[in-house]
Amino acid sequence: MDIKCIIIDDEKLARELLMEYLEEYDDIEVIEQCSKGVEAVKAINSLEPDLIFLDVQMPGMNGFEVLESLDHKPFVIFSTAYDQYAIQAFEENAVDYLLKPIDKERFHKAIERVKARMESSGSNMEKIARILEERETTKFSSHLFVQKSDKYLNLPVTEILHLEASGDYTIISTSDDQFLSSSGIGRLEGKLDPAIFIRVHRSTIINLSHLKEIEKHFNGGLVVKMKNGKSFSVSRTYAKEIRKKVV
C-alpha cells in the first residue's frame, strides 16, 4: 500500500524533521510541502493525498480552517507545539496528535496508527459495491448499495434524509433506518445530485425534499430543520449556498 502524503507547516525546520523521519518509510511518498493554509487547501484538493501532517497555527488560515475548506478528506496527523488543541483535533477526527518537538518513537507510533486505520477502512464487499455503482450510466447515483449485516441493500437515494460524517465513516439516515458507510462524506457527495442534496456543514449533507424550514439565529447563523425533527447548524462556508435559494 503506497501512501501519498503532504506536509503542512509554516516552520521550515519542522517540515525538514518530518521529511527526515519519513525517509525510513518506502511506502510513503511526500508529494508536496506547504507553508500556508491557503496553498495547503489547493494542494490537498488537487493532489488528493492519503495522509497529511498538519500544523495548527499558521499565518492566514489555521489547521482547523484548512480542514473546514477541504473537498478531499485525507487522514490527518496534527503536529503542533500547543497541547490545548488536542481535544479539538480529535473532534476533527484526527488519527493522531504530535507535540513539537516531535519524538521519533512517538512519530513511528503515529504512522503505525494511520496505517492500521487505512487498512481497516476497506473490504472486498465495499469494492464490489463500488464497481456496481460505477456501472451506472447517469452522472449522479439513483441508488446506493448500503451494508446491513452481511448483505448490501439497494437504497434509492430519494429515501435518504441526511448524511453525517462520523470519523472516517458516514452515517446515512432514512425515515426508519441508519446505515454506516466506510466512504467519506466527500466521496458520497460526488454521487448525489446537488439539486437535491446540499451540504450545510463539513460533516453534514441534507436532502432538500425532507427539509422543513430554515431558522435564522440572532447572530446571523442558520439552522436547518428536517421534517423528521432533526436540526443541523449551517457553517459559514456553506451558508451562501442556502441563501441562494432564498427568494
C-alpha atoms as a PDB file:
ATOM      1  CA  MET A   1       0.000   0.000   0.000  1.00  0.00           C
ATOM      2  CA  ASP A   2       1.621   3.260  -1.176  1.00  0.00           C
ATOM      3  CA  ILE A   3       0.627   6.339   0.803  1.00  0.00           C
ATOM      4  CA  LYS A   4       0.675   9.809  -0.750  1.00  0.00           C
ATOM      5  CA  CYS A   5       1.469  12.446   1.861  1.00  0.00           C
ATOM      6  CA  ILE A   6       1.527  16.249   2.163  1.00  0.00           C
ATOM      7  CA  ILE A   7       3.372  18.110   4.935  1.00  0.00           C
ATOM      8  CA  ILE A   8       1.839  21.424   6.022  1.00  0.00           C
ATOM      9  CA  ASP A   9       3.796  23.618   8.440  1.00  0.00           C
ATOM     10  CA  ASP A  10       4.949  27.229   8.332  1.00  0.00           C
ATOM     11  CA  GLU A  11       8.252  26.298  10.003  1.00  0.00           C
ATOM     12  CA  LYS A  12      10.920  25.029   7.604  1.00  0.00           C
ATOM     13  CA  LEU A  13      12.760  23.099  10.327  1.00  0.00           C
ATOM     14  CA  ALA A  14       9.548  21.297  11.296  1.00  0.00           C
ATOM     15  CA  ARG A  15       8.959  20.247   7.673  1.00  0.00           C
ATOM     16  CA  GLU A  16      12.547  19.057   7.359  1.00  0.00           C
ATOM     17  CA  LEU A  17      12.268  16.950  10.529  1.00  0.00           C
ATOM     18  CA  LEU A  18       9.124  15.231   9.258  1.00  0.00           C
ATOM     19  CA  MET A  19      10.839  14.592   5.931  1.00  0.00           C
ATOM     20  CA  GLU A  20      13.781  13.043   7.783  1.00  0.00           C
ATOM     21  CA  TYR A  21      11.517  10.737   9.799  1.00  0.00           C
ATOM     22  CA  LEU A  22       9.554   9.739   6.683  1.00  0.00           C
ATOM     23  CA  GLU A  23      12.703   8.693   4.814  1.00  0.00           C
ATOM     24  CA  GLU A  24      12.520   5.388   6.708  1.00  0.00           C
ATOM     25  CA  TYR A  25       9.222   4.516   5.003  1.00  0.00           C
ATOM     26  CA  ASP A  26       9.500   3.303   1.413  1.00  0.00           C
ATOM     27  CA  ASP A  27       5.713   3.110   1.121  1.00  0.00           C
ATOM     28  CA  ILE A  28       5.109   6.789   1.997  1.00  0.00           C
ATOM     29  CA  GLU A  29       5.699   9.405  -0.699  1.00  0.00           C
ATOM     30  CA  VAL A  30       5.737  13.112   0.171  1.00  0.00           C
ATOM     31  CA  ILE A  31       4.125  14.691  -2.887  1.00  0.00           C
ATOM     32  CA  GLU A  32       4.012  18.291  -1.614  1.00  0.00           C
ATOM     33  CA  GLN A  33       5.076  20.618   1.200  1.00  0.00           C
ATOM     34  CA  CYS A  34       3.086  23.726   2.132  1.00  0.00           C
ATOM     35  CA  SER A  35       3.879  26.583   4.490  1.00  0.00           C
ATOM     36  CA  LYS A  36       0.485  28.317   4.398  1.00  0.00           C
ATOM     37  CA  GLY A  37      -3.073  27.165   4.885  1.00  0.00           C
ATOM     38  CA  VAL A  38      -4.418  28.625   1.642  1.00  0.00           C
ATOM     39  CA  GLU A  39      -1.859  26.826  -0.510  1.00  0.00           C
ATOM     40  CA  ALA A  40      -2.458  23.661   1.535  1.00  0.00           C
ATOM     41  CA  VAL A  41      -6.166  23.652   0.666  1.00  0.00           C
ATOM     42  CA  LYS A  42      -5.365  23.973  -3.043  1.00  0.00           C
ATOM     43  CA  ALA A  43      -2.733  21.238  -2.895  1.00  0.00           C
ATOM     44  CA  ILE A  44      -4.929  18.789  -0.969  1.00  0.00           C
ATOM     45  CA  ASN A  45      -7.988  19.245  -3.176  1.00  0.00           C
ATOM     46  CA  SER A  46      -5.841  18.986  -6.318  1.00  0.00           C
ATOM     47  CA  LEU A  47      -3.415  16.191  -5.428  1.00  0.00           C
ATOM     48  CA  GLU A  48      -5.782  14.207  -3.140  1.00  0.00           C
ATOM     49  CA  PRO A  49      -3.209  12.798  -0.711  1.00  0.00           C
ATOM     50  CA  ASP A  50      -3.991   9.842   1.531  1.00  0.00           C
ATOM     51  CA  LEU A  51      -2.369  11.492   4.557  1.00  0.00           C
ATOM     52  CA  ILE A  52      -1.443  14.996   5.695  1.00  0.00           C
ATOM     53  CA  PHE A  53       0.707  16.253   8.550  1.00  0.00           C
ATOM     54  CA  LEU A  54      -0.993  19.465   9.598  1.00  0.00           C
ATOM     55  CA  ASP A  55       0.258  22.259  11.852  1.00  0.00           C
ATOM     56  CA  VAL A  56      -2.407  24.118  13.842  1.00  0.00           C
ATOM     57  CA  GLN A  57      -1.102  27.674  13.980  1.00  0.00           C
ATOM     58  CA  MET A  58      -0.177  29.086  10.591  1.00  0.00           C
ATOM     59  CA  PRO A  59      -0.421  32.558   9.054  1.00  0.00           C
ATOM     60  CA  GLY A  60      -3.661  33.421   7.292  1.00  0.00           C
ATOM     61  CA  MET A  61      -5.522  30.170   7.880  1.00  0.00           C
ATOM     62  CA  ASN A  62      -5.052  27.777  10.791  1.00  0.00           C
ATOM     63  CA  GLY A  63      -5.151  23.992  10.580  1.00  0.00           C
ATOM     64  CA  PHE A  64      -8.794  23.678  11.580  1.00  0.00           C
ATOM     65  CA  GLU A  65      -9.828  26.242   8.950  1.00  0.00           C
ATOM     66  CA  VAL A  66      -7.883  24.226   6.386  1.00  0.00           C
ATOM     67  CA  LEU A  67      -9.936  21.128   7.226  1.00  0.00           C
ATOM     68  CA  GLU A  68     -13.148  23.153   7.065  1.00  0.00           C
ATOM     69  CA  SER A  69     -12.317  24.219   3.497  1.00  0.00           C
ATOM     70  CA  LEU A  70     -11.433  20.817   2.043  1.00  0.00           C
ATOM     71  CA  ASP A  71     -13.365  18.883  -0.567  1.00  0.00           C
ATOM     72  CA  HIS A  72     -10.970  15.930  -0.411  1.00  0.00           C
ATOM     73  CA  LYS A  73     -10.709  14.438   3.089  1.00  0.00           C
ATOM     74  CA  PRO A  74      -7.368  12.724   3.823  1.00  0.00           C
ATOM     75  CA  PHE A  75      -6.253  11.085   7.045  1.00  0.00           C
ATOM     76  CA  VAL A  76      -4.842  13.749   9.365  1.00  0.00           C
ATOM     77  CA  ILE A  77      -1.982  13.767  11.844  1.00  0.00           C
ATOM     78  CA  PHE A  78      -1.727  17.096  13.637  1.00  0.00           C
ATOM     79  CA  SER A  79       1.715  18.392  14.587  1.00  0.00           C
ATOM     80  CA  THR A  80       1.895  21.431  16.859  1.00  0.00           C
ATOM     81  CA  ALA A  81       3.681  22.938  19.822  1.00  0.00           C
ATOM     82  CA  TYR A  82       0.405  23.638  21.623  1.00  0.00           C
ATOM     83  CA  ASP A  83      -1.320  20.869  23.566  1.00  0.00           C
ATOM     84  CA  GLN A  84      -4.515  22.888  24.183  1.00  0.00           C
ATOM     85  CA  TYR A  85      -5.737  21.991  20.692  1.00  0.00           C
ATOM     86  CA  ALA A  86      -5.692  18.240  21.280  1.00  0.00           C
ATOM     87  CA  ILE A  87      -9.389  17.833  22.107  1.00  0.00           C
ATOM     88  CA  GLN A  88     -10.477  19.906  19.127  1.00  0.00           C
ATOM     89  CA  ALA A  89      -8.097  17.942  16.909  1.00  0.00           C
ATOM     90  CA  PHE A  90      -9.697  14.630  17.811  1.00  0.00           C
ATOM     91  CA  GLU A  91     -13.139  16.162  17.383  1.00  0.00           C
ATOM     92  CA  GLU A  92     -11.988  16.766  13.806  1.00  0.00           C
ATOM     93  CA  ASN A  93     -11.304  13.019  13.568  1.00  0.00           C
ATOM     94  CA  ALA A  94      -7.525  13.307  13.543  1.00  0.00           C
ATOM     95  CA  VAL A  95      -5.725   9.969  13.539  1.00  0.00           C
ATOM     96  CA  ASP A  96      -3.082  11.312  15.911  1.00  0.00           C
ATOM     97  CA  TYR A  97      -1.742  14.466  17.562  1.00  0.00           C
ATOM     98  CA  LEU A  98       2.023  15.025  17.762  1.00  0.00           C
ATOM     99  CA  LEU A  99       3.519  17.630  20.073  1.00  0.00           C
ATOM    100  CA  LYS A 100       6.626  19.513  18.996  1.00  0.00           C
ATOM    101  CA  PRO A 101       9.474  18.817  19.322  1.00  0.00           C
ATOM    102  CA  ILE A 102       8.305  15.538  17.819  1.00  0.00           C
ATOM    103  CA  ASP A 103       9.814  12.441  19.368  1.00  0.00           C
ATOM    104  CA  LYS A 104      10.916   9.888  16.766  1.00  0.00           C
ATOM    105  CA  GLU A 105       9.437   6.893  18.596  1.00  0.00           C
ATOM    106  CA  ARG A 106       6.141   8.734  19.049  1.00  0.00           C
ATOM    107  CA  PHE A 107       6.187   9.579  15.328  1.00  0.00           C
ATOM    108  CA  HIS A 108       6.561   5.902  14.402  1.00  0.00           C
ATOM    109  CA  LYS A 109       3.558   5.039  16.571  1.00  0.00           C
ATOM    110  CA  ALA A 110       1.503   7.653  14.725  1.00  0.00           C
ATOM    111  CA  ILE A 111       2.462   6.086  11.385  1.00  0.00           C
ATOM    112  CA  GLU A 112       1.501   2.622  12.661  1.00  0.00           C
ATOM    113  CA  ARG A 113      -1.833   4.025  13.775  1.00  0.00           C
ATOM    114  CA  VAL A 114      -2.640   5.667  10.458  1.00  0.00           C
ATOM    115  CA  LYS A 115      -1.688   2.526   8.519  1.00  0.00           C
ATOM    116  CA  ALA A 116      -3.958   0.434  10.717  1.00  0.00           C
ATOM    117  CA  ARG A 117      -6.795   2.916  10.145  1.00  0.00           C
ATOM    118  CA  MET A 118      -6.279   2.805   6.398  1.00  0.00           C
ATOM    119  CA  GLU A 119      -6.227  -0.984   6.278  1.00  0.00           C
ATOM    120  CA  SER A 120      -9.457  -1.232   8.251  1.00  0.00           C
ATOM    121  CA  SER A 121     -11.311   1.263   6.049  1.00  0.00           C
ATOM    122  CA  GLY A 122     -11.854  -1.068   3.104  1.00  0.00           C
ATOM    123  CA  SER A 123     -13.243  -4.519   2.401  1.00  0.00           C
ATOM    124  CA  ASN A 124     -13.918  -6.778  -0.572  1.00  0.00           C
ATOM    125  CA  MET A 125     -17.672  -6.246  -0.273  1.00  0.00           C
ATOM    126  CA  GLU A 126     -17.190  -2.489  -0.475  1.00  0.00           C
ATOM    127  CA  LYS A 127     -15.117  -2.883  -3.639  1.00  0.00           C
ATOM    128  CA  ILE A 128     -17.909  -4.923  -5.213  1.00  0.00           C
ATOM    129  CA  ALA A 129     -20.447  -2.240  -4.298  1.00  0.00           C
ATOM    130  CA  ARG A 130     -18.246   0.474  -5.809  1.00  0.00           C
ATOM    131  CA  ILE A 131     -17.959  -1.445  -9.070  1.00  0.00           C
ATOM    132  CA  LEU A 132     -21.729  -1.804  -9.257  1.00  0.00           C
ATOM    133  CA  GLU A 133     -22.217   1.890  -8.526  1.00  0.00           C
ATOM    134  CA  GLU A 134     -19.668   2.944 -11.156  1.00  0.00           C
ATOM    135  CA  ARG A 135     -21.540   0.961 -13.824  1.00  0.00           C
ATOM    136  CA  GLU A 136     -24.441   3.374 -13.605  1.00  0.00           C
ATOM    137  CA  THR A 137     -24.720   5.445 -16.763  1.00  0.00           C
ATOM    138  CA  THR A 138     -26.134   8.594 -15.151  1.00  0.00           C
ATOM    139  CA  LYS A 139     -23.824  11.226 -13.688  1.00  0.00           C
ATOM    140  CA  PHE A 140     -25.437  11.012 -10.254  1.00  0.00           C
ATOM    141  CA  SER A 141     -26.477   7.834  -8.471  1.00  0.00           C
ATOM    142  CA  SER A 142     -30.161   6.981  -8.222  1.00  0.00           C
ATOM    143  CA  HIS A 143     -29.334   4.154  -5.801  1.00  0.00           C
ATOM    144  CA  LEU A 144     -26.574   3.377  -3.316  1.00  0.00           C
ATOM    145  CA  PHE A 145     -25.573  -0.041  -2.024  1.00  0.00           C
ATOM    146  CA  VAL A 146     -25.506   0.121   1.788  1.00  0.00           C
ATOM    147  CA  GLN A 147     -24.350  -2.564   4.179  1.00  0.00           C
ATOM    148  CA  LYS A 148     -26.790  -4.256   6.540  1.00  0.00           C
ATOM    149  CA  SER A 149     -25.302  -7.151   8.472  1.00  0.00           C
ATOM    150  CA  ASP A 150     -23.614  -9.357   5.867  1.00  0.00           C
ATOM    151  CA  LYS A 151     -25.656  -8.005   2.939  1.00  0.00           C
ATOM    152  CA  TYR A 152     -25.657  -4.936   0.731  1.00  0.00           C
ATOM    153  CA  LEU A 153     -29.103  -3.399   0.320  1.00  0.00           C
ATOM    154  CA  ASN A 154     -30.163  -1.397  -2.713  1.00  0.00           C
ATOM    155  CA  LEU A 155     -31.123   2.024  -1.307  1.00  0.00           C
ATOM    156  CA  PRO A 156     -32.901   4.602  -3.533  1.00  0.00           C
ATOM    157  CA  VAL A 157     -31.271   7.972  -2.820  1.00  0.00           C
ATOM    158  CA  THR A 158     -34.727   9.588  -2.610  1.00  0.00           C
ATOM    159  CA  GLU A 159     -35.191   7.743   0.701  1.00  0.00           C
ATOM    160  CA  ILE A 160     -32.093   9.366   2.245  1.00  0.00           C
ATOM    161  CA  LEU A 161     -32.929  12.140   4.703  1.00  0.00           C
ATOM    162  CA  HIS A 162     -29.398  13.238   5.573  1.00  0.00           C
ATOM    163  CA  LEU A 163     -25.785  12.091   5.761  1.00  0.00           C
ATOM    164  CA  GLU A 164     -23.439  12.771   8.686  1.00  0.00           C
ATOM    165  CA  ALA A 165     -19.686  12.275   8.871  1.00  0.00           C
ATOM    166  CA  SER A 166     -18.533  10.094  11.765  1.00  0.00           C
ATOM    167  CA  GLY A 167     -14.776   9.734  11.868  1.00  0.00           C
ATOM    168  CA  ASP A 168     -13.715   8.044   8.651  1.00  0.00           C
ATOM    169  CA  TYR A 169     -17.267   6.809   8.077  1.00  0.00           C
ATOM    170  CA  THR A 170     -20.605   8.327   7.072  1.00  0.00           C
ATOM    171  CA  ILE A 171     -23.981   7.723   8.705  1.00  0.00           C
ATOM    172  CA  ILE A 172     -26.765   7.563   6.099  1.00  0.00           C
ATOM    173  CA  SER A 173     -30.219   8.110   7.616  1.00  0.00           C
ATOM    174  CA  THR A 174     -33.617   7.204   6.190  1.00  0.00           C
ATOM    175  CA  SER A 175     -37.005   7.611   7.844  1.00  0.00           C
ATOM    176  CA  ASP A 176     -36.803   4.200   9.506  1.00  0.00           C
ATOM    177  CA  ASP A 177     -33.153   3.103   9.466  1.00  0.00           C
ATOM    178  CA  GLN A 178     -29.486   4.134   9.537  1.00  0.00           C
ATOM    179  CA  PHE A 179     -26.546   2.720   7.596  1.00  0.00           C
ATOM    180  CA  LEU A 180     -22.830   3.112   8.255  1.00  0.00           C
ATOM    181  CA  SER A 181     -20.743   3.625   5.125  1.00  0.00           C
ATOM    182  CA  SER A 182     -16.950   3.434   5.091  1.00  0.00           C
ATOM    183  CA  SER A 183     -16.953   6.013   2.264  1.00  0.00           C
ATOM    184  CA  GLY A 184     -16.130   9.534   3.352  1.00  0.00           C
ATOM    185  CA  ILE A 185     -18.875  12.128   3.127  1.00  0.00           C
ATOM    186  CA  GLY A 186     -16.991  13.977   0.382  1.00  0.00           C
ATOM    187  CA  ARG A 187     -16.945  10.902  -1.852  1.00  0.00           C
ATOM    188  CA  LEU A 188     -20.663  10.298  -1.277  1.00  0.00           C
ATOM    189  CA  GLU A 189     -21.426  13.932  -2.041  1.00  0.00           C
ATOM    190  CA  GLY A 190     -19.973  13.431  -5.508  1.00  0.00           C
ATOM    191  CA  LYS A 191     -22.522  10.676  -6.184  1.00  0.00           C
ATOM    192  CA  LEU A 192     -25.549  12.752  -5.218  1.00  0.00           C
ATOM    193  CA  ASP A 193     -27.408  15.308  -7.312  1.00  0.00           C
ATOM    194  CA  PRO A 194     -26.593  18.779  -5.865  1.00  0.00           C
ATOM    195  CA  ALA A 195     -30.019  19.986  -6.964  1.00  0.00           C
ATOM    196  CA  ILE A 196     -31.489  17.648  -4.315  1.00  0.00           C
ATOM    197  CA  PHE A 197     -28.678  17.085  -1.805  1.00  0.00           C
ATOM    198  CA  ILE A 198     -26.969  20.130  -0.333  1.00  0.00           C
ATOM    199  CA  ARG A 199     -24.047  20.336   2.058  1.00  0.00           C
ATOM    200  CA  VAL A 200     -24.757  22.513   5.087  1.00  0.00           C
ATOM    201  CA  HIS A 201     -21.610  21.691   7.052  1.00  0.00           C
ATOM    202  CA  ARG A 202     -18.303  19.954   6.506  1.00  0.00           C
ATOM    203  CA  SER A 203     -19.849  16.940   8.221  1.00  0.00           C
ATOM    204  CA  THR A 204     -23.490  17.159   7.049  1.00  0.00           C
ATOM    205  CA  ILE A 205     -25.462  16.782   3.804  1.00  0.00           C
ATOM    206  CA  ILE A 206     -29.259  17.084   3.735  1.00  0.00           C
ATOM    207  CA  ASN A 207     -31.954  16.064   1.248  1.00  0.00           C
ATOM    208  CA  LEU A 208     -33.877  19.231   0.373  1.00  0.00           C
ATOM    209  CA  SER A 209     -37.007  17.164  -0.198  1.00  0.00           C
ATOM    210  CA  HIS A 210     -37.047  16.404   3.526  1.00  0.00           C
ATOM    211  CA  LEU A 211     -36.194  19.931   4.716  1.00  0.00           C
ATOM    212  CA  LYS A 212     -38.981  21.568   6.738  1.00  0.00           C
ATOM    213  CA  GLU A 213     -37.618  25.059   7.415  1.00  0.00           C
ATOM    214  CA  ILE A 214     -34.547  27.224   7.883  1.00  0.00           C
ATOM    215  CA  GLU A 215     -34.230  29.149  11.121  1.00  0.00           C
ATOM    216  CA  LYS A 216     -32.163  32.321  11.322  1.00  0.00           C
ATOM    217  CA  HIS A 217     -30.467  32.965  14.657  1.00  0.00           C
ATOM    218  CA  PHE A 218     -29.816  36.361  16.242  1.00  0.00           C
ATOM    219  CA  ASN A 219     -26.089  36.129  15.471  1.00  0.00           C
ATOM    220  CA  GLY A 220     -26.753  35.652  11.765  1.00  0.00           C
ATOM    221  CA  GLY A 221     -26.232  31.904  11.814  1.00  0.00           C
ATOM    222  CA  LEU A 222     -28.603  29.473  10.126  1.00  0.00           C
ATOM    223  CA  VAL A 223     -30.113  26.203  11.334  1.00  0.00           C
ATOM    224  CA  VAL A 224     -31.871  23.766   9.006  1.00  0.00           C
ATOM    225  CA  LYS A 225     -34.744  21.784  10.493  1.00  0.00           C
ATOM    226  CA  MET A 226     -35.722  18.493   8.901  1.00  0.00           C
ATOM    227  CA  LYS A 227     -39.221  17.004   8.707  1.00  0.00           C
ATOM    228  CA  ASN A 228     -38.106  14.162  10.985  1.00  0.00           C
ATOM    229  CA  GLY A 229     -37.316  16.677  13.767  1.00  0.00           C
ATOM    230  CA  LYS A 230     -33.540  16.671  13.337  1.00  0.00           C
ATOM    231  CA  SER A 231     -31.728  20.034  13.215  1.00  0.00           C
ATOM    232  CA  PHE A 232     -28.306  20.928  11.808  1.00  0.00           C
ATOM    233  CA  SER A 233     -26.259  24.096  12.095  1.00  0.00           C
ATOM    234  CA  VAL A 234     -25.143  25.624   8.814  1.00  0.00           C
ATOM    235  CA  SER A 235     -21.458  26.556   8.746  1.00  0.00           C
ATOM    236  CA  ARG A 236     -20.386  29.867   7.237  1.00  0.00           C
ATOM    237  CA  THR A 237     -18.688  28.032   4.364  1.00  0.00           C
ATOM    238  CA  TYR A 238     -21.988  26.593   3.124  1.00  0.00           C
ATOM    239  CA  ALA A 239     -24.448  29.282   4.267  1.00  0.00           C
ATOM    240  CA  LYS A 240     -24.125  31.131   0.954  1.00  0.00           C
ATOM    241  CA  GLU A 241     -25.497  28.081  -0.905  1.00  0.00           C
ATOM    242  CA  ILE A 242     -28.552  28.095   1.371  1.00  0.00           C
ATOM    243  CA  ARG A 243     -29.088  31.847   0.904  1.00  0.00           C
ATOM    244  CA  LYS A 244     -29.011  31.431  -2.896  1.00  0.00           C
ATOM    245  CA  LYS A 245     -32.276  29.505  -2.597  1.00  0.00           C
ATOM    246  CA  VAL A 246     -34.000  32.241  -0.575  1.00  0.00           C
ATOM    247  CA  VAL A 247     -36.449  34.254  -2.722  1.00  0.00           C
END
